[in-house]
Amino acid sequence: MAQTELTITLAKAADLLLTLQYALETFEGTCQCGECDPCTEGQEDLKRAIENVQQAIKANKAKSEEPAAEPTVGLDQSGQIAELYREAAKDNYERAGEVEIDPGAVVSVSEDGGAYVAAWVWIGNDEVDGLCSECGGLANEGEGEGKGGYDGKCRSCADKAEAQRPS
C-alpha cells in the first residue's frame, strides 16, 4: 500500500499527541494483566503513534526558518513551562489519595492565559450511581423481582448484609 502524506497544523498535531498520551495513560492505569489486547498490542500501538506524531512535529519545526523555541501555546511535555504548570497544579490542587498529579503529567497550554494539567482524581464506589458500594459491581444488575440488588449494593453483597443482620 502506498504511503500518503498527511498535512495538519502544529496545533492539531499537538492536540492529537495529547489525546494519544491520555489514551496511553488510561490503558496503563486500568489493566496491567499483560495478557489482554490493550496490555499487549494496544499500548504498543499507542506508543508507536505517539513517537510518529512527535517525530512529525520535530520535523516540521526543523523546516521552519525560525529557531525552535519552547512552545508558549500548545502541548509542552518536557520544558520548563510545563514543569511550572505541574508544580502550580500540585501546590494548588493535589491532595494525597484524592487528586494526584504525576511528575510527567500531560500539560496543554492554552491561548487563554493558563493550561490544563492531567491529574488522577479518586472516585469511590459509593460516589457512583449504579455501582455496588461494597464491591464496585453493578448495583441493580438483573432488574426484576429476586434478580437485582438493593440498598445501593449488588444482589450478592445485599444478600450477605441481610444475612448478617440480627433477627
C-alpha atoms as a PDB file:
ATOM      1  CA  MET A   1       0.000   0.000   0.000  1.00  0.00           C
ATOM      2  CA  ALA A   2       1.357   3.429  -0.954  1.00  0.00           C
ATOM      3  CA  GLN A   3       2.142   5.835   1.848  1.00  0.00           C
ATOM      4  CA  THR A   4       0.148   9.070   1.760  1.00  0.00           C
ATOM      5  CA  GLU A   5       1.406  12.333   3.215  1.00  0.00           C
ATOM      6  CA  LEU A   6      -0.949  13.966   5.679  1.00  0.00           C
ATOM      7  CA  THR A   7      -0.739  17.696   6.315  1.00  0.00           C
ATOM      8  CA  ILE A   8      -2.060  19.137   9.576  1.00  0.00           C
ATOM      9  CA  THR A   9      -1.229  22.216  11.604  1.00  0.00           C
ATOM     10  CA  LEU A  10       1.135  22.043  14.553  1.00  0.00           C
ATOM     11  CA  ALA A  11      -1.769  22.907  16.851  1.00  0.00           C
ATOM     12  CA  LYS A  12      -3.787  19.951  15.564  1.00  0.00           C
ATOM     13  CA  ALA A  13      -0.743  17.694  15.842  1.00  0.00           C
ATOM     14  CA  ALA A  14      -0.308  18.833  19.443  1.00  0.00           C
ATOM     15  CA  ASP A  15      -3.986  18.046  20.136  1.00  0.00           C
ATOM     16  CA  LEU A  16      -3.551  14.610  18.562  1.00  0.00           C
ATOM     17  CA  LEU A  17      -0.449  13.981  20.657  1.00  0.00           C
ATOM     18  CA  LEU A  18      -2.295  14.988  23.837  1.00  0.00           C
ATOM     19  CA  THR A  19      -5.169  12.622  23.009  1.00  0.00           C
ATOM     20  CA  LEU A  20      -2.823   9.718  22.292  1.00  0.00           C
ATOM     21  CA  GLN A  21      -0.882  10.308  25.517  1.00  0.00           C
ATOM     22  CA  TYR A  22      -4.119  10.462  27.508  1.00  0.00           C
ATOM     23  CA  ALA A  23      -5.280   7.191  25.936  1.00  0.00           C
ATOM     24  CA  LEU A  24      -1.954   5.550  26.819  1.00  0.00           C
ATOM     25  CA  GLU A  25      -2.159   6.807  30.426  1.00  0.00           C
ATOM     26  CA  THR A  26      -5.685   5.408  30.630  1.00  0.00           C
ATOM     27  CA  PHE A  27      -4.576   1.980  29.359  1.00  0.00           C
ATOM     28  CA  GLU A  28      -1.590   1.918  31.710  1.00  0.00           C
ATOM     29  CA  GLY A  29      -3.735   2.943  34.665  1.00  0.00           C
ATOM     30  CA  THR A  30      -6.536   0.430  34.186  1.00  0.00           C
ATOM     31  CA  CYS A  31      -5.433  -3.065  33.218  1.00  0.00           C
ATOM     32  CA  GLN A  32      -1.954  -4.427  33.695  1.00  0.00           C
ATOM     33  CA  CYS A  33      -2.553  -8.147  33.280  1.00  0.00           C
ATOM     34  CA  GLY A  34      -0.109  -8.347  30.369  1.00  0.00           C
ATOM     35  CA  GLU A  35      -2.403 -10.732  28.522  1.00  0.00           C
ATOM     36  CA  CYS A  36      -5.329  -8.786  27.040  1.00  0.00           C
ATOM     37  CA  ASP A  37      -5.140  -6.823  23.787  1.00  0.00           C
ATOM     38  CA  PRO A  38      -4.918  -3.363  25.449  1.00  0.00           C
ATOM     39  CA  CYS A  39      -1.989  -4.590  27.550  1.00  0.00           C
ATOM     40  CA  THR A  40      -0.128  -6.280  24.719  1.00  0.00           C
ATOM     41  CA  GLU A  41      -0.969  -4.654  21.399  1.00  0.00           C
ATOM     42  CA  GLY A  42      -2.943  -1.526  22.292  1.00  0.00           C
ATOM     43  CA  GLN A  43      -0.274   0.103  24.449  1.00  0.00           C
ATOM     44  CA  GLU A  44       2.476  -0.634  21.924  1.00  0.00           C
ATOM     45  CA  ASP A  45       0.343   0.787  19.098  1.00  0.00           C
ATOM     46  CA  LEU A  46      -0.246   3.973  21.078  1.00  0.00           C
ATOM     47  CA  LYS A  47       3.461   4.314  21.888  1.00  0.00           C
ATOM     48  CA  ARG A  48       4.331   3.979  18.177  1.00  0.00           C
ATOM     49  CA  ALA A  49       1.663   6.536  17.232  1.00  0.00           C
ATOM     50  CA  ILE A  50       2.945   8.984  19.874  1.00  0.00           C
ATOM     51  CA  GLU A  51       6.509   8.581  18.599  1.00  0.00           C
ATOM     52  CA  ASN A  52       5.370   9.146  14.989  1.00  0.00           C
ATOM     53  CA  VAL A  53       3.480  12.335  15.880  1.00  0.00           C
ATOM     54  CA  GLN A  54       6.422  13.616  17.959  1.00  0.00           C
ATOM     55  CA  GLN A  55       8.799  12.983  15.033  1.00  0.00           C
ATOM     56  CA  ALA A  56       6.443  14.764  12.628  1.00  0.00           C
ATOM     57  CA  ILE A  57       6.232  17.782  14.946  1.00  0.00           C
ATOM     58  CA  LYS A  58      10.036  17.895  15.286  1.00  0.00           C
ATOM     59  CA  ALA A  59      10.500  17.573  11.523  1.00  0.00           C
ATOM     60  CA  ASN A  60       8.009  20.372  10.898  1.00  0.00           C
ATOM     61  CA  LYS A  61       9.766  22.614  13.424  1.00  0.00           C
ATOM     62  CA  ALA A  62      13.135  21.851  11.797  1.00  0.00           C
ATOM     63  CA  LYS A  63      11.760  23.024   8.432  1.00  0.00           C
ATOM     64  CA  SER A  64      10.736  26.337   9.968  1.00  0.00           C
ATOM     65  CA  GLU A  65      13.029  29.299   9.326  1.00  0.00           C
ATOM     66  CA  GLU A  66      12.682  30.416  12.934  1.00  0.00           C
ATOM     67  CA  PRO A  67      14.757  28.636  15.551  1.00  0.00           C
ATOM     68  CA  ALA A  68      12.734  26.134  17.558  1.00  0.00           C
ATOM     69  CA  ALA A  69      11.703  27.637  20.858  1.00  0.00           C
ATOM     70  CA  GLU A  70       9.855  26.246  23.809  1.00  0.00           C
ATOM     71  CA  PRO A  71       6.163  26.473  22.918  1.00  0.00           C
ATOM     72  CA  THR A  72       4.101  29.067  24.705  1.00  0.00           C
ATOM     73  CA  VAL A  73       0.795  27.703  23.393  1.00  0.00           C
ATOM     74  CA  GLY A  74       0.014  24.056  22.686  1.00  0.00           C
ATOM     75  CA  LEU A  75       1.460  20.865  24.052  1.00  0.00           C
ATOM     76  CA  ASP A  76       4.545  21.219  26.220  1.00  0.00           C
ATOM     77  CA  GLN A  77       5.681  17.991  27.881  1.00  0.00           C
ATOM     78  CA  SER A  78       9.270  18.352  28.915  1.00  0.00           C
ATOM     79  CA  GLY A  79      10.024  22.062  29.021  1.00  0.00           C
ATOM     80  CA  GLN A  80      10.297  24.480  31.883  1.00  0.00           C
ATOM     81  CA  ILE A  81       6.868  25.935  31.175  1.00  0.00           C
ATOM     82  CA  ALA A  82       5.209  22.537  31.582  1.00  0.00           C
ATOM     83  CA  GLU A  83       7.088  21.934  34.819  1.00  0.00           C
ATOM     84  CA  LEU A  84       5.978  25.300  36.209  1.00  0.00           C
ATOM     85  CA  TYR A  85       2.336  24.434  35.439  1.00  0.00           C
ATOM     86  CA  ARG A  86       2.732  20.968  37.009  1.00  0.00           C
ATOM     87  CA  GLU A  87       4.197  22.469  40.169  1.00  0.00           C
ATOM     88  CA  ALA A  88       1.417  25.076  40.389  1.00  0.00           C
ATOM     89  CA  ALA A  89      -1.196  22.337  39.930  1.00  0.00           C
ATOM     90  CA  LYS A  90       0.432  20.262  42.686  1.00  0.00           C
ATOM     91  CA  ASP A  91       0.655  23.226  45.049  1.00  0.00           C
ATOM     92  CA  ASN A  92      -2.941  24.354  44.464  1.00  0.00           C
ATOM     93  CA  TYR A  93      -4.903  21.144  43.841  1.00  0.00           C
ATOM     94  CA  GLU A  94      -3.054  17.970  44.819  1.00  0.00           C
ATOM     95  CA  ARG A  95      -4.456  16.105  47.842  1.00  0.00           C
ATOM     96  CA  ALA A  96      -2.983  12.656  48.538  1.00  0.00           C
ATOM     97  CA  GLY A  97      -5.477   9.919  47.762  1.00  0.00           C
ATOM     98  CA  GLU A  98      -7.943  12.348  46.150  1.00  0.00           C
ATOM     99  CA  VAL A  99      -6.220  14.388  43.427  1.00  0.00           C
ATOM    100  CA  GLU A 100      -2.732  13.362  42.298  1.00  0.00           C
ATOM    101  CA  ILE A 101      -0.513  14.745  39.549  1.00  0.00           C
ATOM    102  CA  ASP A 102       2.219  12.586  38.046  1.00  0.00           C
ATOM    103  CA  PRO A 103       5.732  14.063  37.587  1.00  0.00           C
ATOM    104  CA  GLY A 104       5.403  13.876  33.772  1.00  0.00           C
ATOM    105  CA  ALA A 105       1.700  14.786  33.634  1.00  0.00           C
ATOM    106  CA  VAL A 106       0.391  15.974  30.276  1.00  0.00           C
ATOM    107  CA  VAL A 107       0.245  19.791  30.042  1.00  0.00           C
ATOM    108  CA  SER A 108      -1.738  21.642  27.380  1.00  0.00           C
ATOM    109  CA  VAL A 109      -1.034  25.370  27.404  1.00  0.00           C
ATOM    110  CA  SER A 110      -3.979  27.494  26.288  1.00  0.00           C
ATOM    111  CA  GLU A 111      -4.198  30.818  24.476  1.00  0.00           C
ATOM    112  CA  ASP A 112      -6.480  31.972  27.306  1.00  0.00           C
ATOM    113  CA  GLY A 113      -3.666  32.502  29.789  1.00  0.00           C
ATOM    114  CA  GLY A 114      -3.448  29.123  31.529  1.00  0.00           C
ATOM    115  CA  ALA A 115      -3.031  25.424  30.973  1.00  0.00           C
ATOM    116  CA  TYR A 116      -4.717  22.091  31.533  1.00  0.00           C
ATOM    117  CA  VAL A 117      -2.673  19.668  33.637  1.00  0.00           C
ATOM    118  CA  ALA A 118      -3.683  15.994  33.622  1.00  0.00           C
ATOM    119  CA  ALA A 119      -4.474  14.621  37.072  1.00  0.00           C
ATOM    120  CA  TRP A 120      -5.751  11.459  38.708  1.00  0.00           C
ATOM    121  CA  VAL A 121      -8.994  12.002  40.627  1.00  0.00           C
ATOM    122  CA  TRP A 122     -10.183   9.348  43.107  1.00  0.00           C
ATOM    123  CA  ILE A 123     -13.864   8.399  42.911  1.00  0.00           C
ATOM    124  CA  GLY A 124     -15.098   5.878  45.481  1.00  0.00           C
ATOM    125  CA  ASN A 125     -17.668   3.226  44.548  1.00  0.00           C
ATOM    126  CA  ASP A 126     -20.197   4.895  46.843  1.00  0.00           C
ATOM    127  CA  GLU A 127     -19.937   8.079  44.749  1.00  0.00           C
ATOM    128  CA  VAL A 128     -21.005   6.381  41.502  1.00  0.00           C
ATOM    129  CA  ASP A 129     -24.730   5.911  40.939  1.00  0.00           C
ATOM    130  CA  GLY A 130     -25.439   2.349  39.855  1.00  0.00           C
ATOM    131  CA  LEU A 131     -22.345   0.709  41.393  1.00  0.00           C
ATOM    132  CA  CYS A 132     -22.378  -1.515  44.443  1.00  0.00           C
ATOM    133  CA  SER A 133     -20.944   0.437  47.366  1.00  0.00           C
ATOM    134  CA  GLU A 134     -19.250  -2.760  48.612  1.00  0.00           C
ATOM    135  CA  CYS A 135     -17.633  -4.498  45.621  1.00  0.00           C
ATOM    136  CA  GLY A 136     -17.949  -1.989  42.737  1.00  0.00           C
ATOM    137  CA  GLY A 137     -20.116  -4.322  40.622  1.00  0.00           C
ATOM    138  CA  LEU A 138     -23.408  -3.258  39.067  1.00  0.00           C
ATOM    139  CA  ALA A 139     -25.830  -2.493  41.900  1.00  0.00           C
ATOM    140  CA  ASN A 140     -29.047  -3.216  40.046  1.00  0.00           C
ATOM    141  CA  GLU A 141     -27.942  -5.868  37.571  1.00  0.00           C
ATOM    142  CA  GLY A 142     -30.752  -8.220  36.577  1.00  0.00           C
ATOM    143  CA  GLU A 143     -33.759  -5.974  37.149  1.00  0.00           C
ATOM    144  CA  GLY A 144     -36.923  -7.733  38.235  1.00  0.00           C
ATOM    145  CA  GLU A 145     -38.215  -9.485  41.314  1.00  0.00           C
ATOM    146  CA  GLY A 146     -35.498 -11.503  43.030  1.00  0.00           C
ATOM    147  CA  LYS A 147     -32.818 -10.534  40.482  1.00  0.00           C
ATOM    148  CA  GLY A 148     -31.499  -7.062  41.296  1.00  0.00           C
ATOM    149  CA  GLY A 149     -29.600  -5.658  44.239  1.00  0.00           C
ATOM    150  CA  TYR A 150     -30.913  -3.165  46.784  1.00  0.00           C
ATOM    151  CA  ASP A 151     -29.733  -0.585  49.317  1.00  0.00           C
ATOM    152  CA  GLY A 152     -27.024   0.577  46.884  1.00  0.00           C
ATOM    153  CA  LYS A 153     -25.489  -2.889  46.695  1.00  0.00           C
ATOM    154  CA  CYS A 154     -25.441  -5.693  44.155  1.00  0.00           C
ATOM    155  CA  ARG A 155     -27.618  -8.691  44.922  1.00  0.00           C
ATOM    156  CA  SER A 156     -24.722 -10.733  46.322  1.00  0.00           C
ATOM    157  CA  CYS A 157     -23.495  -8.002  48.711  1.00  0.00           C
ATOM    158  CA  ALA A 158     -27.064  -7.034  49.685  1.00  0.00           C
ATOM    159  CA  ASP A 159     -27.896 -10.676  50.460  1.00  0.00           C
ATOM    160  CA  LYS A 160     -24.727 -11.024  52.573  1.00  0.00           C
ATOM    161  CA  ALA A 161     -25.601  -7.856  54.507  1.00  0.00           C
ATOM    162  CA  GLU A 162     -29.173  -9.100  55.000  1.00  0.00           C
ATOM    163  CA  ALA A 163     -27.910 -12.460  56.316  1.00  0.00           C
ATOM    164  CA  GLN A 164     -25.599 -10.719  58.818  1.00  0.00           C
ATOM    165  CA  ARG A 165     -28.370  -8.570  60.314  1.00  0.00           C
ATOM    166  CA  PRO A 166     -29.543  -9.740  63.692  1.00  0.00           C
ATOM    167  CA  SER A 167     -33.044 -11.193  63.513  1.00  0.00           C
END
